[in-house]
N, C-alpha and C. Protein backbone atom coordinates (compact mmCIF):
# COMPACT_ATOMS: atom_id res chain seq x y z
N UNK A 1 16.35 19.59 -5.35
CA UNK A 1 16.19 18.71 -4.23
C UNK A 1 15.82 17.32 -4.75
N UNK A 2 16.52 16.30 -4.28
CA UNK A 2 16.23 14.93 -4.66
C UNK A 2 15.00 14.45 -3.90
N UNK A 3 14.10 13.82 -4.60
CA UNK A 3 12.90 13.32 -3.95
C UNK A 3 12.81 11.82 -4.14
N UNK A 4 12.24 11.16 -3.18
CA UNK A 4 12.08 9.71 -3.23
C UNK A 4 10.64 9.35 -2.95
N UNK A 5 10.19 8.28 -3.55
CA UNK A 5 8.89 7.71 -3.27
C UNK A 5 9.15 6.31 -2.73
N UNK A 6 8.88 6.12 -1.47
CA UNK A 6 9.07 4.82 -0.85
C UNK A 6 7.76 4.05 -1.03
N UNK A 7 7.82 2.92 -1.67
CA UNK A 7 6.64 2.12 -1.90
C UNK A 7 6.76 0.87 -1.04
N UNK A 8 5.97 0.83 -0.01
CA UNK A 8 6.07 -0.26 0.96
C UNK A 8 5.26 -1.44 0.48
N UNK A 9 5.88 -2.59 0.51
CA UNK A 9 5.22 -3.78 0.05
C UNK A 9 5.38 -4.91 1.04
N UNK A 10 5.81 -4.63 2.23
CA UNK A 10 5.95 -5.67 3.25
C UNK A 10 4.58 -6.14 3.67
N UNK A 11 4.49 -7.38 4.04
CA UNK A 11 3.22 -7.93 4.48
C UNK A 11 3.07 -7.70 5.97
N UNK A 12 2.58 -6.54 6.34
CA UNK A 12 2.32 -6.22 7.73
C UNK A 12 0.85 -6.55 7.94
N UNK A 13 0.57 -7.58 8.70
CA UNK A 13 -0.79 -8.07 8.83
C UNK A 13 -1.31 -7.84 10.25
N UNK A 14 -2.64 -7.83 10.39
CA UNK A 14 -3.24 -7.63 11.70
C UNK A 14 -3.63 -8.96 12.32
N UNK A 15 -4.59 -9.63 11.80
CA UNK A 15 -5.01 -10.92 12.34
C UNK A 15 -4.84 -11.91 11.20
N UNK A 16 -3.59 -12.15 10.84
CA UNK A 16 -3.35 -12.90 9.62
C UNK A 16 -1.97 -13.53 9.67
N UNK A 17 -1.87 -14.77 9.30
CA UNK A 17 -0.58 -15.41 9.12
C UNK A 17 -0.45 -15.77 7.66
N UNK A 18 0.76 -15.67 7.14
CA UNK A 18 0.98 -15.91 5.72
C UNK A 18 1.57 -17.29 5.52
N UNK A 19 0.89 -18.18 4.81
CA UNK A 19 1.49 -19.46 4.52
C UNK A 19 2.68 -19.27 3.58
N UNK A 20 3.60 -20.21 3.62
CA UNK A 20 4.77 -20.13 2.77
C UNK A 20 4.33 -20.04 1.31
N UNK A 21 4.97 -19.17 0.56
CA UNK A 21 4.71 -18.95 -0.86
C UNK A 21 3.35 -18.31 -1.15
N UNK A 22 2.70 -17.77 -0.15
CA UNK A 22 1.42 -17.10 -0.37
C UNK A 22 1.66 -15.71 -0.93
N UNK A 23 0.69 -15.24 -1.70
CA UNK A 23 0.74 -13.87 -2.21
C UNK A 23 0.03 -13.00 -1.18
N UNK A 24 0.66 -11.89 -0.73
CA UNK A 24 0.00 -11.02 0.25
C UNK A 24 -1.33 -10.48 -0.29
N UNK A 25 -2.25 -10.21 0.61
CA UNK A 25 -3.55 -9.69 0.21
C UNK A 25 -3.40 -8.35 -0.51
N UNK A 26 -2.64 -7.42 0.09
CA UNK A 26 -2.42 -6.11 -0.52
C UNK A 26 -0.93 -5.90 -0.77
N UNK A 27 -0.61 -5.36 -1.95
CA UNK A 27 0.77 -5.04 -2.31
C UNK A 27 0.80 -3.70 -3.05
N UNK A 28 1.95 -3.03 -2.95
CA UNK A 28 2.18 -1.80 -3.71
C UNK A 28 3.50 -1.96 -4.42
N UNK A 29 3.54 -1.60 -5.72
CA UNK A 29 4.75 -1.75 -6.52
C UNK A 29 4.87 -0.56 -7.46
N UNK A 30 6.10 -0.18 -7.75
CA UNK A 30 6.37 0.87 -8.74
C UNK A 30 7.38 0.33 -9.74
N UNK A 31 7.04 0.34 -11.02
CA UNK A 31 7.95 -0.14 -12.05
C UNK A 31 9.28 0.59 -12.02
N UNK A 32 10.37 -0.15 -12.14
CA UNK A 32 11.69 0.45 -12.12
C UNK A 32 12.22 0.70 -10.72
N UNK A 33 11.44 0.37 -9.71
CA UNK A 33 11.87 0.58 -8.32
C UNK A 33 12.89 -0.49 -7.92
N UNK A 34 13.65 -0.18 -6.88
CA UNK A 34 14.66 -1.09 -6.34
C UNK A 34 14.11 -1.65 -5.03
N UNK A 35 14.21 -2.97 -4.83
CA UNK A 35 13.72 -3.60 -3.60
C UNK A 35 14.83 -3.66 -2.57
N UNK A 36 14.44 -3.57 -1.30
CA UNK A 36 15.42 -3.74 -0.24
C UNK A 36 15.03 -3.05 1.04
N UNK A 37 16.03 -2.90 1.92
CA UNK A 37 15.87 -2.19 3.19
C UNK A 37 16.59 -0.86 3.06
N UNK A 38 15.90 0.22 3.36
CA UNK A 38 16.46 1.57 3.25
C UNK A 38 16.28 2.25 4.59
N UNK A 39 17.35 2.25 5.40
CA UNK A 39 17.23 2.77 6.75
C UNK A 39 16.22 1.92 7.51
N UNK A 40 15.30 2.56 8.22
CA UNK A 40 14.31 1.78 8.97
C UNK A 40 13.20 1.20 8.10
N UNK A 41 13.14 1.57 6.83
CA UNK A 41 12.16 0.97 5.92
C UNK A 41 12.67 -0.39 5.48
N UNK A 42 11.88 -1.43 5.76
CA UNK A 42 12.29 -2.78 5.39
C UNK A 42 11.33 -3.34 4.36
N UNK A 43 11.87 -4.20 3.50
CA UNK A 43 11.07 -4.84 2.45
C UNK A 43 10.26 -3.81 1.68
N UNK A 44 10.98 -2.88 1.08
CA UNK A 44 10.38 -1.72 0.43
C UNK A 44 10.85 -1.62 -1.02
N UNK A 45 9.96 -1.16 -1.89
CA UNK A 45 10.34 -0.78 -3.24
C UNK A 45 10.66 0.70 -3.21
N UNK A 46 11.86 1.09 -3.64
CA UNK A 46 12.27 2.50 -3.65
C UNK A 46 12.27 3.00 -5.09
N UNK A 47 11.40 3.97 -5.35
CA UNK A 47 11.34 4.62 -6.66
C UNK A 47 11.86 6.04 -6.49
N UNK A 48 12.69 6.49 -7.40
CA UNK A 48 13.28 7.83 -7.27
C UNK A 48 12.66 8.83 -8.24
N UNK A 49 11.67 8.42 -8.99
CA UNK A 49 11.05 9.35 -9.94
C UNK A 49 9.90 10.11 -9.27
N UNK A 50 9.66 11.31 -9.77
CA UNK A 50 8.54 12.12 -9.32
C UNK A 50 8.03 12.89 -10.53
N UNK A 51 6.88 12.57 -11.08
CA UNK A 51 5.89 11.66 -10.52
C UNK A 51 6.30 10.19 -10.67
N UNK A 52 5.62 9.34 -9.90
CA UNK A 52 5.86 7.90 -9.96
C UNK A 52 4.54 7.20 -10.19
N UNK A 53 4.57 6.19 -11.04
CA UNK A 53 3.40 5.37 -11.28
C UNK A 53 3.49 4.16 -10.36
N UNK A 54 2.38 3.84 -9.69
CA UNK A 54 2.35 2.70 -8.79
C UNK A 54 1.24 1.75 -9.19
N UNK A 55 1.42 0.50 -8.80
CA UNK A 55 0.39 -0.53 -8.95
C UNK A 55 -0.02 -0.95 -7.55
N UNK A 56 -1.31 -0.93 -7.27
CA UNK A 56 -1.84 -1.46 -6.02
C UNK A 56 -2.53 -2.77 -6.38
N UNK A 57 -2.12 -3.85 -5.74
CA UNK A 57 -2.68 -5.17 -6.01
C UNK A 57 -3.51 -5.63 -4.82
N UNK A 58 -4.68 -6.14 -5.11
CA UNK A 58 -5.52 -6.78 -4.10
C UNK A 58 -5.76 -8.20 -4.54
N UNK A 59 -5.36 -9.17 -3.70
CA UNK A 59 -5.43 -10.58 -4.07
C UNK A 59 -6.39 -11.33 -3.16
N UNK A 60 -7.25 -12.13 -3.76
CA UNK A 60 -8.21 -12.95 -3.03
C UNK A 60 -7.60 -14.32 -2.76
N UNK A 61 -7.58 -14.75 -1.50
CA UNK A 61 -7.19 -16.12 -1.19
C UNK A 61 -8.42 -17.00 -1.41
N UNK A 62 -8.27 -18.29 -1.19
CA UNK A 62 -9.38 -19.21 -1.46
C UNK A 62 -10.59 -18.96 -0.57
N UNK A 63 -10.41 -18.33 0.61
CA UNK A 63 -11.58 -18.08 1.46
C UNK A 63 -11.94 -16.60 1.58
N UNK A 64 -11.36 -15.74 0.72
CA UNK A 64 -11.69 -14.31 0.74
C UNK A 64 -13.02 -14.08 0.04
N UNK A 65 -13.91 -13.35 0.71
CA UNK A 65 -15.20 -13.01 0.12
C UNK A 65 -15.19 -11.62 -0.50
N UNK A 66 -14.50 -10.65 0.15
CA UNK A 66 -14.46 -9.30 -0.39
C UNK A 66 -13.26 -8.52 0.15
N UNK A 67 -12.82 -7.53 -0.65
CA UNK A 67 -11.77 -6.58 -0.27
C UNK A 67 -12.39 -5.20 -0.43
N UNK A 68 -12.75 -4.56 0.68
CA UNK A 68 -13.46 -3.28 0.64
C UNK A 68 -12.76 -2.23 1.49
N UNK A 69 -13.24 -1.00 1.38
CA UNK A 69 -12.70 0.12 2.16
C UNK A 69 -11.17 0.21 2.02
N UNK A 70 -10.68 -0.05 0.81
CA UNK A 70 -9.24 -0.05 0.57
C UNK A 70 -8.76 1.41 0.54
N UNK A 71 -7.70 1.66 1.30
CA UNK A 71 -7.22 3.02 1.52
C UNK A 71 -5.74 3.12 1.18
N UNK A 72 -5.41 4.10 0.35
CA UNK A 72 -4.02 4.42 0.03
C UNK A 72 -3.52 5.37 1.12
N UNK A 73 -2.44 5.00 1.79
CA UNK A 73 -1.88 5.77 2.89
C UNK A 73 -0.52 6.33 2.48
N UNK A 74 -0.42 7.64 2.37
CA UNK A 74 0.82 8.29 1.98
C UNK A 74 1.41 8.97 3.21
N UNK A 75 2.57 8.48 3.66
CA UNK A 75 3.26 9.06 4.82
C UNK A 75 4.31 10.04 4.33
N UNK A 76 4.31 11.23 4.92
CA UNK A 76 5.29 12.28 4.57
C UNK A 76 6.04 12.66 5.84
N UNK A 77 7.24 13.23 5.72
CA UNK A 77 8.00 13.61 6.92
C UNK A 77 7.16 14.50 7.85
N UNK A 78 7.24 14.20 9.14
CA UNK A 78 6.47 14.88 10.18
C UNK A 78 6.64 16.40 10.12
N UNK A 79 5.53 17.10 10.21
CA UNK A 79 5.48 18.57 10.31
C UNK A 79 6.05 19.30 9.10
N UNK A 80 6.02 18.67 7.92
CA UNK A 80 6.45 19.35 6.70
C UNK A 80 5.21 19.67 5.87
N UNK A 81 5.37 20.62 4.98
CA UNK A 81 4.23 20.99 4.13
C UNK A 81 4.59 20.76 2.67
N UNK A 82 3.58 20.51 1.89
CA UNK A 82 3.75 20.29 0.47
C UNK A 82 2.43 19.92 -0.14
N UNK A 83 2.48 19.51 -1.39
CA UNK A 83 1.27 19.10 -2.09
C UNK A 83 1.47 17.70 -2.66
N UNK A 84 0.37 16.98 -2.75
CA UNK A 84 0.36 15.64 -3.32
C UNK A 84 -0.84 15.55 -4.24
N UNK A 85 -0.65 14.95 -5.42
CA UNK A 85 -1.80 14.63 -6.26
C UNK A 85 -1.71 13.14 -6.61
N UNK A 86 -2.87 12.50 -6.59
CA UNK A 86 -2.97 11.08 -6.93
C UNK A 86 -4.01 10.97 -8.03
N UNK A 87 -3.59 10.42 -9.16
CA UNK A 87 -4.45 10.32 -10.34
C UNK A 87 -4.58 8.86 -10.76
N UNK A 88 -5.80 8.42 -11.03
CA UNK A 88 -6.01 7.07 -11.52
C UNK A 88 -5.51 6.91 -12.95
N UNK A 89 -4.92 5.76 -13.24
CA UNK A 89 -4.41 5.44 -14.57
C UNK A 89 -5.05 4.16 -15.09
N UNK A 90 -5.09 4.00 -16.40
CA UNK A 90 -5.52 2.76 -17.05
C UNK A 90 -6.84 2.22 -16.50
N UNK A 91 -7.82 3.09 -16.36
CA UNK A 91 -9.14 2.67 -15.93
C UNK A 91 -9.43 2.81 -14.45
N UNK A 92 -8.41 3.04 -13.63
CA UNK A 92 -8.66 3.26 -12.20
C UNK A 92 -9.22 4.67 -12.01
N UNK A 93 -10.24 4.78 -11.20
CA UNK A 93 -10.83 6.10 -10.90
C UNK A 93 -9.87 6.92 -10.06
N UNK A 94 -9.98 8.24 -10.18
CA UNK A 94 -9.22 9.10 -9.28
C UNK A 94 -9.72 8.85 -7.86
N UNK A 95 -8.80 8.64 -6.91
CA UNK A 95 -9.24 8.34 -5.55
C UNK A 95 -9.81 9.58 -4.85
N UNK A 96 -10.65 9.34 -3.86
CA UNK A 96 -11.21 10.42 -3.04
C UNK A 96 -10.25 10.71 -1.89
N UNK A 97 -9.92 11.99 -1.70
CA UNK A 97 -9.04 12.39 -0.60
C UNK A 97 -9.85 12.33 0.69
N UNK A 98 -9.37 11.56 1.67
CA UNK A 98 -10.07 11.39 2.94
C UNK A 98 -9.59 12.36 4.00
N UNK A 99 -8.39 12.91 3.82
CA UNK A 99 -7.89 13.89 4.78
C UNK A 99 -6.43 13.70 5.10
N UNK A 100 -5.89 14.69 5.83
CA UNK A 100 -4.51 14.65 6.31
C UNK A 100 -4.56 14.55 7.83
N UNK A 101 -3.76 13.65 8.38
CA UNK A 101 -3.77 13.38 9.81
C UNK A 101 -2.35 13.49 10.36
N UNK A 102 -2.23 14.04 11.57
CA UNK A 102 -0.91 14.15 12.20
C UNK A 102 -0.65 13.02 13.18
N UNK A 103 -1.68 12.22 13.48
CA UNK A 103 -1.51 11.06 14.36
C UNK A 103 -2.22 9.86 13.76
N UNK A 104 -1.72 8.68 14.08
CA UNK A 104 -2.34 7.45 13.61
C UNK A 104 -3.73 7.29 14.21
N UNK A 105 -3.90 7.74 15.45
CA UNK A 105 -5.21 7.63 16.11
C UNK A 105 -6.30 8.35 15.33
N UNK A 106 -5.93 9.31 14.49
CA UNK A 106 -6.91 10.05 13.71
C UNK A 106 -7.57 9.22 12.62
N UNK A 107 -6.94 8.11 12.21
CA UNK A 107 -7.52 7.32 11.12
C UNK A 107 -7.47 5.82 11.33
N UNK A 108 -6.74 5.34 12.31
CA UNK A 108 -6.55 3.89 12.47
C UNK A 108 -7.90 3.20 12.70
N UNK A 109 -8.23 2.23 11.86
CA UNK A 109 -9.51 1.53 12.02
C UNK A 109 -9.57 0.78 13.36
N UNK A 110 -10.76 0.68 13.92
CA UNK A 110 -10.95 -0.06 15.17
C UNK A 110 -10.43 -1.49 15.01
N UNK A 111 -9.66 -1.93 15.97
CA UNK A 111 -9.13 -3.29 15.94
C UNK A 111 -7.87 -3.46 15.13
N UNK A 112 -7.43 -2.42 14.45
CA UNK A 112 -6.21 -2.52 13.64
C UNK A 112 -4.98 -2.42 14.53
N UNK A 113 -3.90 -3.01 14.05
CA UNK A 113 -2.63 -2.93 14.75
C UNK A 113 -1.56 -2.81 13.68
N UNK A 114 -0.97 -1.65 13.56
CA UNK A 114 0.03 -1.44 12.51
C UNK A 114 1.41 -1.97 12.90
N UNK A 115 1.52 -2.66 14.04
CA UNK A 115 2.74 -3.37 14.43
C UNK A 115 3.99 -2.51 14.37
N UNK A 116 3.90 -1.27 14.79
CA UNK A 116 5.06 -0.36 14.77
C UNK A 116 5.69 -0.26 13.39
N UNK A 117 4.88 -0.41 12.37
CA UNK A 117 5.34 -0.36 10.98
C UNK A 117 5.94 1.02 10.68
N UNK A 118 7.15 1.05 10.18
CA UNK A 118 7.81 2.31 9.84
C UNK A 118 7.39 2.71 8.44
N UNK A 119 7.05 3.93 8.18
CA UNK A 119 7.11 5.13 9.00
C UNK A 119 5.79 5.50 9.65
N UNK A 120 4.92 4.54 9.90
CA UNK A 120 3.62 4.85 10.48
C UNK A 120 3.76 5.05 11.99
N UNK A 121 4.42 6.15 12.32
CA UNK A 121 4.63 6.52 13.72
C UNK A 121 4.40 8.02 13.83
N UNK A 122 3.71 8.42 14.89
CA UNK A 122 3.31 9.82 15.05
C UNK A 122 4.48 10.80 15.04
N UNK A 123 5.62 10.42 15.59
CA UNK A 123 6.77 11.34 15.66
C UNK A 123 7.65 11.27 14.41
N UNK A 124 7.25 10.49 13.42
CA UNK A 124 8.03 10.33 12.19
C UNK A 124 7.30 10.92 10.99
N UNK A 125 5.98 10.77 10.95
CA UNK A 125 5.23 11.11 9.73
C UNK A 125 3.91 11.82 10.01
N UNK A 126 3.43 12.50 8.97
CA UNK A 126 2.05 12.92 8.86
C UNK A 126 1.46 12.04 7.75
N UNK A 127 0.13 11.94 7.70
CA UNK A 127 -0.49 10.92 6.86
C UNK A 127 -1.59 11.51 5.98
N UNK A 128 -1.52 11.22 4.69
CA UNK A 128 -2.53 11.63 3.71
C UNK A 128 -3.24 10.36 3.26
N UNK A 129 -4.56 10.31 3.38
CA UNK A 129 -5.32 9.11 3.06
C UNK A 129 -6.24 9.34 1.87
N UNK A 130 -6.32 8.30 1.02
CA UNK A 130 -7.15 8.33 -0.18
C UNK A 130 -7.96 7.04 -0.26
N UNK A 131 -9.24 7.16 -0.53
CA UNK A 131 -10.12 6.01 -0.71
C UNK A 131 -9.97 5.50 -2.14
N UNK A 132 -9.52 4.24 -2.28
CA UNK A 132 -9.39 3.67 -3.63
C UNK A 132 -10.40 2.57 -3.87
N UNK A 133 -11.39 2.45 -2.98
CA UNK A 133 -12.54 1.62 -3.25
C UNK A 133 -12.37 0.14 -3.00
N UNK A 134 -13.20 -0.61 -3.68
CA UNK A 134 -13.27 -2.06 -3.53
C UNK A 134 -12.44 -2.74 -4.62
N UNK A 135 -11.91 -3.91 -4.30
CA UNK A 135 -11.18 -4.72 -5.28
C UNK A 135 -11.99 -5.98 -5.57
N UNK A 136 -11.84 -6.51 -6.80
CA UNK A 136 -12.62 -7.66 -7.24
C UNK A 136 -11.68 -8.75 -7.78
N UNK A 137 -12.12 -10.02 -7.76
CA UNK A 137 -11.29 -11.12 -8.27
C UNK A 137 -11.45 -11.28 -9.78
N UNK A 138 -10.78 -10.39 -10.55
CA UNK A 138 -11.02 -10.36 -11.99
C UNK A 138 -9.80 -10.70 -12.85
N UNK A 139 -8.61 -10.84 -12.24
CA UNK A 139 -7.43 -11.10 -13.05
C UNK A 139 -6.34 -11.74 -12.20
N UNK A 140 -5.39 -12.41 -12.85
CA UNK A 140 -4.25 -12.95 -12.10
C UNK A 140 -3.41 -11.81 -11.52
N UNK A 141 -2.80 -12.05 -10.35
CA UNK A 141 -1.99 -11.03 -9.69
C UNK A 141 -0.63 -11.62 -9.34
N UNK A 142 0.43 -10.93 -9.75
CA UNK A 142 1.80 -11.37 -9.45
C UNK A 142 2.12 -11.11 -7.98
N UNK A 143 3.21 -11.70 -7.51
CA UNK A 143 3.74 -11.42 -6.17
C UNK A 143 4.90 -10.45 -6.34
N UNK A 144 4.68 -9.19 -5.98
CA UNK A 144 5.70 -8.14 -6.09
C UNK A 144 6.53 -8.17 -4.81
N UNK A 145 7.43 -9.15 -4.70
CA UNK A 145 8.15 -9.43 -3.47
C UNK A 145 9.26 -8.42 -3.21
N UNK A 146 9.03 -7.50 -2.28
CA UNK A 146 10.02 -6.47 -1.97
C UNK A 146 11.13 -6.99 -1.08
N UNK A 147 10.95 -8.16 -0.49
CA UNK A 147 12.02 -8.73 0.33
C UNK A 147 13.16 -9.24 -0.55
N UNK A 148 12.81 -9.90 -1.65
CA UNK A 148 13.82 -10.47 -2.53
C UNK A 148 14.05 -9.63 -3.78
N UNK A 149 13.10 -8.77 -4.13
CA UNK A 149 13.20 -8.00 -5.36
C UNK A 149 12.78 -8.79 -6.58
N UNK A 150 12.28 -9.99 -6.37
CA UNK A 150 11.85 -10.86 -7.47
C UNK A 150 10.33 -10.77 -7.61
N UNK A 151 9.87 -10.49 -8.82
CA UNK A 151 8.44 -10.47 -9.08
C UNK A 151 8.06 -11.86 -9.59
N UNK A 152 7.30 -12.57 -8.76
CA UNK A 152 6.91 -13.93 -9.10
C UNK A 152 5.65 -13.91 -9.96
N UNK A 153 5.54 -14.85 -10.90
CA UNK A 153 4.35 -14.87 -11.76
C UNK A 153 3.09 -15.16 -10.95
N UNK A 154 1.94 -14.81 -11.50
CA UNK A 154 0.68 -15.04 -10.79
C UNK A 154 0.47 -16.51 -10.45
N UNK A 155 -0.11 -16.75 -9.28
CA UNK A 155 -0.52 -18.09 -8.89
C UNK A 155 -1.83 -18.38 -9.63
N UNK A 156 -1.89 -19.45 -10.43
CA UNK A 156 -3.10 -19.70 -11.23
C UNK A 156 -4.33 -19.99 -10.38
N UNK A 157 -4.14 -20.28 -9.10
CA UNK A 157 -5.27 -20.57 -8.21
C UNK A 157 -5.82 -19.33 -7.51
N UNK A 158 -5.18 -18.17 -7.74
CA UNK A 158 -5.61 -16.94 -7.09
C UNK A 158 -5.96 -15.88 -8.13
N UNK A 159 -6.87 -15.01 -7.78
CA UNK A 159 -7.16 -13.88 -8.66
C UNK A 159 -7.35 -12.64 -7.80
N UNK A 160 -7.40 -11.51 -8.46
CA UNK A 160 -7.55 -10.25 -7.74
C UNK A 160 -7.71 -9.12 -8.73
N UNK A 161 -7.22 -7.95 -8.34
CA UNK A 161 -7.33 -6.78 -9.20
C UNK A 161 -6.11 -5.89 -9.01
N UNK A 162 -5.68 -5.29 -10.12
CA UNK A 162 -4.61 -4.30 -10.10
C UNK A 162 -5.22 -2.94 -10.40
N UNK A 163 -4.84 -1.93 -9.61
CA UNK A 163 -5.24 -0.56 -9.88
C UNK A 163 -3.97 0.26 -9.97
N UNK A 164 -3.91 1.14 -10.98
CA UNK A 164 -2.71 1.94 -11.21
C UNK A 164 -2.99 3.41 -10.94
N UNK A 165 -1.99 4.05 -10.32
CA UNK A 165 -2.10 5.47 -9.97
C UNK A 165 -0.79 6.17 -10.25
N UNK A 166 -0.88 7.46 -10.49
CA UNK A 166 0.31 8.30 -10.57
C UNK A 166 0.31 9.21 -9.35
N UNK A 167 1.44 9.22 -8.64
CA UNK A 167 1.60 10.08 -7.46
C UNK A 167 2.63 11.14 -7.79
N UNK A 168 2.23 12.39 -7.61
CA UNK A 168 3.13 13.52 -7.83
C UNK A 168 3.12 14.37 -6.57
N UNK A 169 4.31 14.81 -6.14
CA UNK A 169 4.37 15.60 -4.91
C UNK A 169 5.39 16.71 -5.04
N UNK A 170 5.18 17.75 -4.22
CA UNK A 170 6.08 18.90 -4.21
C UNK A 170 6.19 19.38 -2.76
N UNK A 171 7.40 19.73 -2.34
CA UNK A 171 7.61 20.24 -0.99
C UNK A 171 8.00 19.19 0.01
N UNK A 172 7.75 17.92 -0.29
CA UNK A 172 8.14 16.83 0.60
C UNK A 172 9.42 16.18 0.07
N UNK A 173 10.31 15.81 0.97
CA UNK A 173 11.54 15.12 0.57
C UNK A 173 11.22 13.74 0.03
N UNK A 174 10.23 13.09 0.64
CA UNK A 174 9.83 11.76 0.18
C UNK A 174 8.39 11.49 0.58
N UNK A 175 7.80 10.51 -0.09
CA UNK A 175 6.46 10.04 0.23
C UNK A 175 6.54 8.52 0.31
N UNK A 176 6.03 7.96 1.39
CA UNK A 176 6.02 6.52 1.61
C UNK A 176 4.59 6.02 1.37
N UNK A 177 4.44 5.00 0.54
CA UNK A 177 3.11 4.53 0.14
C UNK A 177 2.79 3.18 0.78
N UNK A 178 1.65 3.11 1.43
CA UNK A 178 1.12 1.86 1.97
C UNK A 178 -0.34 1.76 1.55
N UNK A 179 -0.92 0.60 1.77
CA UNK A 179 -2.34 0.41 1.50
C UNK A 179 -2.90 -0.51 2.59
N UNK A 180 -4.13 -0.23 2.99
CA UNK A 180 -4.81 -1.13 3.92
C UNK A 180 -6.28 -1.20 3.55
N UNK A 181 -6.94 -2.27 3.99
CA UNK A 181 -8.34 -2.41 3.66
C UNK A 181 -9.02 -3.46 4.51
N UNK A 182 -10.33 -3.52 4.39
CA UNK A 182 -11.14 -4.49 5.11
C UNK A 182 -11.24 -5.75 4.27
N UNK A 183 -10.78 -6.86 4.84
CA UNK A 183 -10.81 -8.15 4.17
C UNK A 183 -11.88 -9.00 4.86
N UNK A 184 -12.90 -9.37 4.11
CA UNK A 184 -13.93 -10.24 4.67
C UNK A 184 -13.72 -11.63 4.10
N UNK A 185 -13.55 -12.58 5.01
CA UNK A 185 -13.34 -13.97 4.60
C UNK A 185 -14.44 -14.83 5.22
N UNK A 186 -14.36 -16.11 4.98
CA UNK A 186 -15.33 -17.03 5.56
C UNK A 186 -15.25 -17.02 7.08
N UNK A 187 -14.12 -16.52 7.63
CA UNK A 187 -13.94 -16.44 9.08
C UNK A 187 -14.39 -15.09 9.64
N UNK A 188 -14.84 -14.17 8.80
CA UNK A 188 -15.27 -12.85 9.25
C UNK A 188 -14.34 -11.77 8.74
N UNK A 189 -14.61 -10.49 9.11
CA UNK A 189 -13.82 -9.37 8.60
C UNK A 189 -12.60 -9.07 9.48
N UNK A 190 -11.53 -8.55 8.87
CA UNK A 190 -10.39 -7.98 9.58
C UNK A 190 -9.66 -7.03 8.66
N UNK A 191 -8.78 -6.22 9.25
CA UNK A 191 -8.03 -5.21 8.50
C UNK A 191 -6.66 -5.77 8.16
N UNK A 192 -6.19 -5.54 6.93
CA UNK A 192 -4.85 -5.94 6.51
C UNK A 192 -4.17 -4.79 5.80
N UNK A 193 -2.83 -4.79 5.85
CA UNK A 193 -2.05 -3.76 5.16
C UNK A 193 -1.01 -4.38 4.26
N UNK A 194 -0.38 -3.54 3.46
CA UNK A 194 0.80 -3.92 2.68
C UNK A 194 1.84 -2.88 2.94
């Protein structure tokens, strides 16, 4: 059976507008993946390997104070069964499994709006969540642009953190990867996704 890992990197934001040429707060990338639109998945990195190594990037803008409660969201086809393992690589801790949910209402943070983001829909997916902790402004972060497929070099005025994980799954045809977290800025806290 052919398996796919959909790595979503679109900038789906809640209370946030993106200035031109800005690096999204949260991004997910898999080396060797192909960027594009795949069915209803738009601005996505498609990796066909299993296991797949991913990079989760958290980027601080000039007014970001903290990136906390960052959560790896793995969407699998609705009502299917299988196993998933997520392992930290290159210094990233193994994430804590938060649970499996059959509806978005089971985990959606208060005030969040996933903007009908595909596949985050109750009749399309079930959801496995992992706590990947806090991100810090410790290194330059590239723009892993899934819309164009071009990885832009880091903006020297921004910093953030990269965390690497290996995702392995069995029994699922595909796994779609997103990330969301609490972003506290000088204007207060809000939830953002990638």
